[in-house]
Amino acid sequence: MKMNEKKKDTPSGAPISTKDYDTTPEEKSEAERLFDKIGTGMARAVKRPKDRAIDRQLRRLISDANQTGDCIIAGSTGYYRPGDDDSVEAEVYFASERHRARVILRKVRKMEEVYNRRYQ
């Protein structure tokens, strides 16, 4: 375990790592460098870093950018901004994200049902 990695317990008692939330200045800098390299089109994609902390930070940067007017998607070649030639890949990505959101909503609704039956 690295120095900045801590262990916590969830309410159920299962241990979780907080390493993904603790990044060093060097890791943040590397994530920002990779983010700045993300180009338009699959040919200018940036591959996911192998380092988990850098990857997590890069995904945060991408998420923040996508929520404030950018459009960066993940494809087989890495992260990129879809260009005119990438419309099929972009539509596949958008459909996949919508499906993922529906699955998460169904799960949360079921969890709420169980919770409300037990505690309300």
C-alpha atoms as a PDB file:
ATOM      1  CA  MET A   1       0.000   0.000   0.000  1.00  0.00           C
ATOM      2  CA  LYS A   2       1.319   3.467  -0.942  1.00  0.00           C
ATOM      3  CA  MET A   3       1.768   6.216   1.606  1.00  0.00           C
ATOM      4  CA  ASN A   4      -1.272   8.148   0.359  1.00  0.00           C
ATOM      5  CA  GLU A   5      -3.479   5.047   0.282  1.00  0.00           C
ATOM      6  CA  LYS A   6      -5.849   4.616   3.201  1.00  0.00           C
ATOM      7  CA  LYS A   7      -8.353   1.919   4.056  1.00  0.00           C
ATOM      8  CA  LYS A   8     -11.874   2.689   5.201  1.00  0.00           C
ATOM      9  CA  ASP A   9     -14.872   0.538   5.921  1.00  0.00           C
ATOM     10  CA  THR A  10     -18.243   0.885   4.244  1.00  0.00           C
ATOM     11  CA  PRO A  11     -21.410   0.812   6.371  1.00  0.00           C
ATOM     12  CA  SER A  12     -21.671  -2.901   5.565  1.00  0.00           C
ATOM     13  CA  GLY A  13     -18.166  -3.416   6.940  1.00  0.00           C
ATOM     14  CA  ALA A  14     -16.530  -4.074   3.573  1.00  0.00           C
ATOM     15  CA  PRO A  15     -13.141  -2.367   3.231  1.00  0.00           C
ATOM     16  CA  ILE A  16     -12.649   0.170   0.465  1.00  0.00           C
ATOM     17  CA  SER A  17      -9.562   1.953  -0.726  1.00  0.00           C
ATOM     18  CA  THR A  18      -9.466   5.740  -0.870  1.00  0.00           C
ATOM     19  CA  LYS A  19      -6.429   5.780  -3.155  1.00  0.00           C
ATOM     20  CA  ASP A  20      -8.550   6.751  -6.160  1.00  0.00           C
ATOM     21  CA  TYR A  21      -9.428   9.988  -4.380  1.00  0.00           C
ATOM     22  CA  ASP A  22      -5.923  10.863  -3.232  1.00  0.00           C
ATOM     23  CA  THR A  23      -3.675  11.899  -6.090  1.00  0.00           C
ATOM     24  CA  THR A  24      -0.235  13.401  -5.867  1.00  0.00           C
ATOM     25  CA  PRO A  25       0.654  16.632  -7.659  1.00  0.00           C
ATOM     26  CA  GLU A  26       2.703  14.555 -10.129  1.00  0.00           C
ATOM     27  CA  GLU A  27      -0.262  12.295 -10.882  1.00  0.00           C
ATOM     28  CA  LYS A  28      -2.555  15.287 -11.370  1.00  0.00           C
ATOM     29  CA  SER A  29       0.019  16.905 -13.645  1.00  0.00           C
ATOM     30  CA  GLU A  30       0.335  13.768 -15.754  1.00  0.00           C
ATOM     31  CA  ALA A  31      -3.459  13.483 -16.038  1.00  0.00           C
ATOM     32  CA  GLU A  32      -3.657  17.119 -17.152  1.00  0.00           C
ATOM     33  CA  ARG A  33      -0.888  16.531 -19.704  1.00  0.00           C
ATOM     34  CA  LEU A  34      -2.799  13.570 -21.141  1.00  0.00           C
ATOM     35  CA  PHE A  35      -6.051  15.539 -21.135  1.00  0.00           C
ATOM     36  CA  ASP A  36      -4.397  18.324 -23.134  1.00  0.00           C
ATOM     37  CA  LYS A  37      -3.316  15.746 -25.735  1.00  0.00           C
ATOM     38  CA  ILE A  38      -6.864  14.512 -26.417  1.00  0.00           C
ATOM     39  CA  GLY A  39      -7.580  15.359 -30.017  1.00  0.00           C
ATOM     40  CA  THR A  40     -10.423  15.286 -32.505  1.00  0.00           C
ATOM     41  CA  GLY A  41     -10.981  11.987 -34.270  1.00  0.00           C
ATOM     42  CA  MET A  42     -10.091   8.416 -33.401  1.00  0.00           C
ATOM     43  CA  ALA A  43      -6.619   8.818 -34.883  1.00  0.00           C
ATOM     44  CA  ARG A  44      -5.805  11.457 -32.246  1.00  0.00           C
ATOM     45  CA  ALA A  45      -7.089   9.447 -29.287  1.00  0.00           C
ATOM     46  CA  VAL A  46      -5.209   9.222 -25.998  1.00  0.00           C
ATOM     47  CA  LYS A  47      -4.930   5.742 -24.484  1.00  0.00           C
ATOM     48  CA  ARG A  48      -5.943   5.142 -20.881  1.00  0.00           C
ATOM     49  CA  PRO A  49      -2.950   5.317 -18.546  1.00  0.00           C
ATOM     50  CA  LYS A  50      -1.936   2.135 -16.731  1.00  0.00           C
ATOM     51  CA  ASP A  51      -1.498   3.966 -13.427  1.00  0.00           C
ATOM     52  CA  ARG A  52      -4.857   3.800 -11.631  1.00  0.00           C
ATOM     53  CA  ALA A  53      -4.537   7.159  -9.901  1.00  0.00           C
ATOM     54  CA  ILE A  54      -3.654   8.971 -13.125  1.00  0.00           C
ATOM     55  CA  ASP A  55      -6.460   7.148 -14.939  1.00  0.00           C
ATOM     56  CA  ARG A  56      -8.968   8.150 -12.258  1.00  0.00           C
ATOM     57  CA  GLN A  57      -7.841  11.780 -12.393  1.00  0.00           C
ATOM     58  CA  LEU A  58      -7.997  11.802 -16.208  1.00  0.00           C
ATOM     59  CA  ARG A  59     -11.523  10.390 -16.121  1.00  0.00           C
ATOM     60  CA  ARG A  60     -12.494  13.135 -13.647  1.00  0.00           C
ATOM     61  CA  LEU A  61     -11.113  15.808 -15.984  1.00  0.00           C
ATOM     62  CA  ILE A  62     -13.011  14.276 -18.911  1.00  0.00           C
ATOM     63  CA  SER A  63     -16.232  14.061 -16.892  1.00  0.00           C
ATOM     64  CA  ASP A  64     -15.916  17.689 -15.802  1.00  0.00           C
ATOM     65  CA  ALA A  65     -15.234  18.772 -19.396  1.00  0.00           C
ATOM     66  CA  ASN A  66     -18.212  16.806 -20.718  1.00  0.00           C
ATOM     67  CA  GLN A  67     -20.475  18.436 -18.123  1.00  0.00           C
ATOM     68  CA  THR A  68     -19.364  21.921 -19.138  1.00  0.00           C
ATOM     69  CA  GLY A  69     -19.710  21.824 -22.911  1.00  0.00           C
ATOM     70  CA  ASP A  70     -17.040  19.462 -24.269  1.00  0.00           C
ATOM     71  CA  CYS A  71     -17.624  16.110 -25.960  1.00  0.00           C
ATOM     72  CA  ILE A  72     -14.969  13.495 -25.202  1.00  0.00           C
ATOM     73  CA  ILE A  73     -15.792   9.829 -25.663  1.00  0.00           C
ATOM     74  CA  ALA A  74     -14.001   6.577 -24.965  1.00  0.00           C
ATOM     75  CA  GLY A  75     -13.428   4.270 -27.883  1.00  0.00           C
ATOM     76  CA  SER A  76     -11.278   1.300 -28.759  1.00  0.00           C
ATOM     77  CA  THR A  77      -8.345   3.626 -29.463  1.00  0.00           C
ATOM     78  CA  GLY A  78      -8.724   5.669 -26.266  1.00  0.00           C
ATOM     79  CA  TYR A  79     -10.283   9.017 -25.367  1.00  0.00           C
ATOM     80  CA  TYR A  80     -11.042  11.464 -28.177  1.00  0.00           C
ATOM     81  CA  ARG A  81     -13.388  14.174 -29.372  1.00  0.00           C
ATOM     82  CA  PRO A  82     -15.492  12.679 -32.159  1.00  0.00           C
ATOM     83  CA  GLY A  83     -15.076  14.330 -35.533  1.00  0.00           C
ATOM     84  CA  ASP A  84     -17.198  14.247 -38.691  1.00  0.00           C
ATOM     85  CA  ASP A  85     -15.940  10.742 -39.552  1.00  0.00           C
ATOM     86  CA  ASP A  86     -16.779   9.381 -36.093  1.00  0.00           C
ATOM     87  CA  SER A  87     -20.567   9.761 -36.088  1.00  0.00           C
ATOM     88  CA  VAL A  88     -21.242   6.010 -35.874  1.00  0.00           C
ATOM     89  CA  GLU A  89     -18.803   5.567 -32.983  1.00  0.00           C
ATOM     90  CA  ALA A  90     -20.272   8.596 -31.206  1.00  0.00           C
ATOM     91  CA  GLU A  91     -23.831   7.272 -31.540  1.00  0.00           C
ATOM     92  CA  VAL A  92     -22.741   3.857 -30.237  1.00  0.00           C
ATOM     93  CA  TYR A  93     -21.080   5.558 -27.263  1.00  0.00           C
ATOM     94  CA  PHE A  94     -24.153   7.706 -26.521  1.00  0.00           C
ATOM     95  CA  ALA A  95     -26.444   4.646 -26.706  1.00  0.00           C
ATOM     96  CA  SER A  96     -24.136   2.747 -24.375  1.00  0.00           C
ATOM     97  CA  GLU A  97     -24.117   5.590 -21.832  1.00  0.00           C
ATOM     98  CA  ARG A  98     -27.933   5.899 -21.970  1.00  0.00           C
ATOM     99  CA  HIS A  99     -28.235   2.140 -21.380  1.00  0.00           C
ATOM    100  CA  ARG A 100     -25.816   2.336 -18.458  1.00  0.00           C
ATOM    101  CA  ALA A 101     -27.853   5.176 -16.946  1.00  0.00           C
ATOM    102  CA  ARG A 102     -31.094   3.168 -17.255  1.00  0.00           C
ATOM    103  CA  VAL A 103     -29.487   0.132 -15.587  1.00  0.00           C
ATOM    104  CA  ILE A 104     -28.262   2.284 -12.702  1.00  0.00           C
ATOM    105  CA  LEU A 105     -31.702   3.895 -12.264  1.00  0.00           C
ATOM    106  CA  ARG A 106     -33.416   0.478 -12.189  1.00  0.00           C
ATOM    107  CA  LYS A 107     -30.933  -0.739  -9.571  1.00  0.00           C
ATOM    108  CA  VAL A 108     -31.410   2.343  -7.381  1.00  0.00           C
ATOM    109  CA  ARG A 109     -35.208   2.058  -7.591  1.00  0.00           C
ATOM    110  CA  LYS A 110     -35.022  -1.575  -6.415  1.00  0.00           C
ATOM    111  CA  MET A 111     -32.625  -0.631  -3.622  1.00  0.00           C
ATOM    112  CA  GLU A 112     -35.007   2.122  -2.497  1.00  0.00           C
ATOM    113  CA  GLU A 113     -37.926  -0.330  -2.515  1.00  0.00           C
ATOM    114  CA  VAL A 114     -36.010  -2.740  -0.293  1.00  0.00           C
ATOM    115  CA  TYR A 115     -34.871   0.054   2.005  1.00  0.00           C
ATOM    116  CA  ASN A 116     -38.377   1.486   2.329  1.00  0.00           C
ATOM    117  CA  ARG A 117     -39.877  -1.933   3.124  1.00  0.00           C
ATOM    118  CA  ARG A 118     -37.283  -2.538   5.833  1.00  0.00           C
ATOM    119  CA  TYR A 119     -37.036   0.847   7.480  1.00  0.00           C
ATOM    120  CA  GLN A 120     -40.197   2.792   6.789  1.00  0.00           C
END
